[in-house]
């Protein structure tokens, strides 16, 4: 399913200074890819890149805020000048809107009382930021012989799972910001995949699972390394691999 990576392959991962993004960067670097650590905080990005280089990988930090078009443009220019192409884009940066709390405590997400400004802020990062960054990187991705785009979604973005009264999300507060933003991201994934299919660009959404990260106050039961495996799998698909899909480490996730 996966093709062997070469040192010439370049992967950009947003929100890669910690958590799942950092784990994915380390795993791709171990496969021989040059990884670009997209991070809003330059110091944290530099620390993550230094750590990966210390382990023998090739990593570079990029200051990148997906809600700031100027940093997106600067990143695209830097990648163009340094490498001339991009092979993998992993849209990993995301926020819940509730801060660093366990999902069971995210009562500010309840639809009937949610703050609209929070919803807008979440969509700005989780949806609009993905569009802005993807569009800026497409010219570079088109220069790759095997371009891949991975959008990091969530099982909470599955309408099938959320609508099941006996499903795994039953005991959690309903969500008017984070989960809908991931549902929108899933829809966006399909639309990009349909447009780019003819160009050989495979676009898929990933559900890492309940990973212990800052986003859930480290209440998850999976490690970032475990959560990153599906991202890496989708980033290294063979040319006949799937596109317009939604996958976890176990396989397809229902829409």
Protein backbone atom coordinates (compact mmCIF):
# COMPACT_ATOMS: atom_id res chain seq x y z
CA UNK A 1 0.00 0.00 0.00
CA UNK A 2 2.79 2.40 0.84
CA UNK A 3 5.58 3.43 -1.44
CA UNK A 4 9.12 3.79 -0.23
CA UNK A 5 10.06 7.37 0.53
CA UNK A 6 13.23 8.99 -0.68
CA UNK A 7 15.22 11.87 0.83
CA UNK A 8 13.93 14.12 -1.95
CA UNK A 9 10.35 13.88 -0.73
CA UNK A 10 9.17 16.91 1.24
CA UNK A 11 6.26 16.93 3.68
CA UNK A 12 4.67 19.97 5.33
CA UNK A 13 2.73 19.36 8.53
CA UNK A 14 0.83 22.12 10.29
CA UNK A 15 0.63 22.20 14.06
CA UNK A 16 3.66 19.92 14.08
CA UNK A 17 5.49 21.23 17.12
CA UNK A 18 3.57 18.88 19.45
CA UNK A 19 1.08 16.04 19.68
CA UNK A 20 -0.04 14.07 16.64
CA UNK A 21 1.58 16.48 14.18
CA UNK A 22 4.99 16.14 15.80
CA UNK A 23 4.66 12.35 15.95
CA UNK A 24 3.73 12.24 12.25
CA UNK A 25 6.73 14.42 11.43
CA UNK A 26 9.04 12.07 13.31
CA UNK A 27 7.61 9.02 11.56
CA UNK A 28 7.86 10.56 8.09
CA UNK A 29 11.41 11.69 8.82
CA UNK A 30 12.26 8.13 9.83
CA UNK A 31 11.01 7.04 6.40
CA UNK A 32 13.51 9.41 4.79
CA UNK A 33 11.30 12.40 4.05
CA UNK A 34 12.33 15.97 4.66
CA UNK A 35 9.73 17.27 7.09
CA UNK A 36 8.70 20.89 7.47
CA UNK A 37 7.43 21.69 10.95
CA UNK A 38 4.65 24.22 10.62
CA UNK A 39 4.10 25.99 13.94
CA UNK A 40 2.68 29.31 15.11
CA UNK A 41 5.39 29.59 17.77
CA UNK A 42 8.82 29.82 16.09
CA UNK A 43 10.67 28.61 19.19
CA UNK A 44 8.51 25.52 19.63
CA UNK A 45 8.78 24.75 15.94
CA UNK A 46 12.55 25.05 16.08
CA UNK A 47 12.71 22.79 19.13
CA UNK A 48 10.65 20.10 17.37
CA UNK A 49 12.83 20.29 14.26
CA UNK A 50 15.99 20.08 16.36
CA UNK A 51 14.64 16.99 18.12
CA UNK A 52 13.91 15.23 14.83
CA UNK A 53 17.35 16.11 13.45
CA UNK A 54 18.94 14.77 16.64
CA UNK A 55 17.21 11.45 15.91
CA UNK A 56 18.75 11.41 12.43
CA UNK A 57 15.91 12.95 10.42
CA UNK A 58 15.85 15.97 8.15
CA UNK A 59 13.55 18.65 9.57
CA UNK A 60 13.08 22.39 9.23
CA UNK A 61 10.83 24.73 11.17
CA UNK A 62 8.42 27.07 9.42
CA UNK A 63 6.50 29.81 11.19
CA UNK A 64 2.98 29.16 9.99
CA UNK A 65 -0.42 30.27 11.25
CA UNK A 66 -3.20 28.98 9.00
CA UNK A 67 -5.37 31.96 9.95
CA UNK A 68 -2.67 34.41 8.82
CA UNK A 69 -2.38 34.61 5.03
CA UNK A 70 0.96 36.41 5.20
CA UNK A 71 2.61 33.47 6.99
CA UNK A 72 1.04 31.07 4.47
CA UNK A 73 2.42 33.07 1.55
CA UNK A 74 5.84 33.30 3.16
CA UNK A 75 5.90 29.55 3.76
CA UNK A 76 4.95 28.80 0.15
CA UNK A 77 7.68 31.12 -1.11
CA UNK A 78 10.28 29.55 1.19
CA UNK A 79 9.37 26.00 0.14
CA UNK A 80 9.47 27.01 -3.53
CA UNK A 81 12.88 28.60 -3.20
CA UNK A 82 14.35 25.83 -1.04
CA UNK A 83 12.87 22.70 -2.62
CA UNK A 84 10.86 23.74 -5.67
CA UNK A 85 8.06 21.29 -4.86
CA UNK A 86 6.02 19.68 -2.11
CA UNK A 87 5.06 16.00 -1.94
CA UNK A 88 2.88 15.82 1.15
CA UNK A 89 0.62 18.31 2.89
CA UNK A 90 -0.85 17.28 6.23
CA UNK A 91 -3.44 19.76 7.46
CA UNK A 92 -3.14 18.90 11.13
CA UNK A 93 -3.50 22.25 12.90
CA UNK A 94 -6.84 22.45 14.67
CA UNK A 95 -8.59 23.80 17.74
CA UNK A 96 -11.68 22.75 19.70
CA UNK A 97 -12.66 26.23 20.82
CA UNK A 98 -13.05 25.03 24.40
CA UNK A 99 -9.38 25.19 25.29
CA UNK A 100 -7.45 22.47 27.07
CA UNK A 101 -10.33 20.46 28.54
CA UNK A 102 -11.59 16.90 28.36
CA UNK A 103 -14.47 16.49 25.85
CA UNK A 104 -16.85 15.61 28.69
CA UNK A 105 -16.20 19.06 30.18
CA UNK A 106 -16.70 21.00 26.93
CA UNK A 107 -20.15 22.23 27.92
CA UNK A 108 -19.55 25.50 26.07
CA UNK A 109 -20.07 23.52 22.84
CA UNK A 110 -23.77 22.82 23.55
CA UNK A 111 -25.69 24.15 20.50
CA UNK A 112 -28.47 25.99 22.37
CA UNK A 113 -26.02 28.08 24.40
CA UNK A 114 -22.90 28.20 22.24
CA UNK A 115 -21.10 31.48 21.64
CA UNK A 116 -21.15 32.25 17.92
CA UNK A 117 -17.75 33.92 18.07
CA UNK A 118 -16.26 30.65 19.29
CA UNK A 119 -17.86 28.77 16.40
CA UNK A 120 -16.45 31.28 13.93
CA UNK A 121 -12.99 31.02 15.50
CA UNK A 122 -13.03 27.22 15.28
CA UNK A 123 -14.11 27.24 11.65
CA UNK A 124 -11.48 29.88 10.85
CA UNK A 125 -8.73 27.43 11.81
CA UNK A 126 -10.26 24.03 11.12
CA UNK A 127 -11.94 24.79 7.79
CA UNK A 128 -11.00 28.15 6.28
CA UNK A 129 -7.36 27.73 7.27
CA UNK A 130 -7.24 24.40 5.45
CA UNK A 131 -8.61 26.00 2.28
CA UNK A 132 -6.15 28.89 2.46
CA UNK A 133 -3.11 26.70 3.03
CA UNK A 134 -4.08 23.97 0.56
CA UNK A 135 -4.66 26.47 -2.22
CA UNK A 136 -1.31 28.14 -1.55
CA UNK A 137 0.50 24.79 -1.66
CA UNK A 138 -1.23 23.31 -4.70
CA UNK A 139 1.23 24.77 -7.23
CA UNK A 140 4.06 23.09 -5.31
CA UNK A 141 2.15 19.82 -4.92
CA UNK A 142 1.48 19.71 -8.66
CA UNK A 143 5.25 19.48 -9.22
CA UNK A 144 5.44 16.24 -7.25
CA UNK A 145 5.20 12.85 -8.99
CA UNK A 146 3.03 11.50 -6.14
CA UNK A 147 1.35 14.35 -4.24
CA UNK A 148 -0.73 13.53 -1.17
CA UNK A 149 -2.99 15.68 1.00
CA UNK A 150 -4.13 14.46 4.42
CA UNK A 151 -6.74 16.40 6.37
CA UNK A 152 -6.75 15.52 10.05
CA UNK A 153 -10.38 15.09 11.03
CA UNK A 154 -12.04 13.32 13.96
CA UNK A 155 -14.52 10.57 14.62
CA UNK A 156 -16.62 13.37 16.07
CA UNK A 157 -17.01 14.69 12.53
CA UNK A 158 -18.84 11.53 11.46
CA UNK A 159 -22.58 12.21 11.18
CA UNK A 160 -23.25 8.48 11.30
CA UNK A 161 -21.41 8.05 14.58
CA UNK A 162 -22.82 11.24 16.10
CA UNK A 163 -26.40 10.33 15.18
CA UNK A 164 -26.24 6.93 16.85
CA UNK A 165 -28.04 7.26 20.23
CA UNK A 166 -26.10 4.22 21.45
CA UNK A 167 -22.80 5.27 19.90
CA UNK A 168 -19.48 6.16 21.53
CA UNK A 169 -20.28 9.89 21.70
CA UNK A 170 -23.56 9.49 23.61
CA UNK A 171 -22.18 10.51 26.99
CA UNK A 172 -20.41 13.64 25.71
CA UNK A 173 -21.91 17.13 25.42
CA UNK A 174 -23.25 17.80 21.93
CA UNK A 175 -20.98 20.03 19.90
CA UNK A 176 -21.85 23.09 17.84
CA UNK A 177 -18.28 24.09 16.99
CA UNK A 178 -15.60 21.40 16.92
CA UNK A 179 -17.53 18.42 15.55
CA UNK A 180 -19.34 20.42 12.83
CA UNK A 181 -16.00 21.91 11.77
CA UNK A 182 -14.65 18.40 11.24
CA UNK A 183 -17.80 17.38 9.36
CA UNK A 184 -17.22 20.38 7.09
CA UNK A 185 -13.57 19.36 6.72
CA UNK A 186 -14.68 15.90 5.62
CA UNK A 187 -16.95 17.42 2.98
CA UNK A 188 -14.13 19.68 1.87
CA UNK A 189 -11.84 16.66 1.57
CA UNK A 190 -14.23 15.03 -0.87
CA UNK A 191 -14.56 18.18 -2.95
CA UNK A 192 -10.79 18.64 -3.24
CA UNK A 193 -10.36 14.94 -4.04
CA UNK A 194 -12.92 15.15 -6.83
CA UNK A 195 -11.24 18.18 -8.36
CA UNK A 196 -7.68 16.89 -8.05
CA UNK A 197 -8.27 13.23 -8.90
CA UNK A 198 -7.38 13.81 -12.56
CA UNK A 199 -4.05 15.30 -11.48
CA UNK A 200 -3.06 12.27 -9.44
CA UNK A 201 -3.34 14.14 -6.14
CA UNK A 202 -4.83 11.83 -3.52
CA UNK A 203 -6.81 13.64 -0.82
CA UNK A 204 -8.10 11.85 2.26
CA UNK A 205 -9.31 12.60 5.78
CA UNK A 206 -7.84 10.88 8.83
CA UNK A 207 -9.40 10.06 12.19
CA UNK A 208 -6.46 9.54 14.58
CA UNK A 209 -8.65 8.29 17.43
CA UNK A 210 -8.82 9.48 21.03
CA UNK A 211 -5.21 10.58 21.43
CA UNK A 212 -3.82 12.10 24.60
CA UNK A 213 -2.91 15.66 23.56
CA UNK A 214 -3.33 19.23 24.79
CA UNK A 215 -6.57 19.50 22.82
CA UNK A 216 -8.34 17.12 25.25
CA UNK A 217 -6.26 17.83 28.36
CA UNK A 218 -4.41 14.55 27.77
CA UNK A 219 -7.48 12.49 28.56
CA UNK A 220 -7.12 10.27 25.48
CA UNK A 221 -6.03 6.63 25.69
CA UNK A 222 -3.85 6.55 22.54
CA UNK A 223 -0.35 7.98 22.27
CA UNK A 224 0.46 10.64 19.65
CA UNK A 225 2.62 8.04 17.87
CA UNK A 226 -0.35 5.68 17.65
CA UNK A 227 -2.62 8.44 16.40
CA UNK A 228 -0.10 9.48 13.76
CA UNK A 229 0.04 6.09 12.05
CA UNK A 230 -3.03 6.69 9.90
CA UNK A 231 -1.70 10.11 8.85
CA UNK A 232 1.56 8.55 7.73
CA UNK A 233 -0.23 5.73 5.92
CA UNK A 234 -2.33 8.20 3.92
CA UNK A 235 0.69 10.42 3.27
CA UNK A 236 2.59 7.53 1.68
CA UNK A 237 -0.13 5.88 -0.40
CA UNK A 238 0.79 4.21 -3.66
CA UNK A 239 -0.58 5.77 -6.82
CA UNK A 240 -3.51 3.34 -6.86
CA UNK A 241 -4.44 4.18 -3.28
CA UNK A 242 -7.80 5.61 -2.25
CA UNK A 243 -8.88 9.22 -2.53
CA UNK A 244 -11.96 11.02 -1.16
CA UNK A 245 -11.95 8.68 1.83
CA UNK A 246 -12.18 8.94 5.62
CA UNK A 247 -9.95 6.51 7.50
CA UNK A 248 -8.82 5.52 10.96
CA UNK A 249 -6.02 3.10 11.75
CA UNK A 250 -8.61 0.29 11.61
CA UNK A 251 -9.99 1.23 8.19
CA UNK A 252 -12.77 3.35 6.66
CA UNK A 253 -14.80 5.56 8.99
CA UNK A 254 -18.48 6.18 8.13
CA UNK A 255 -19.37 9.65 6.97
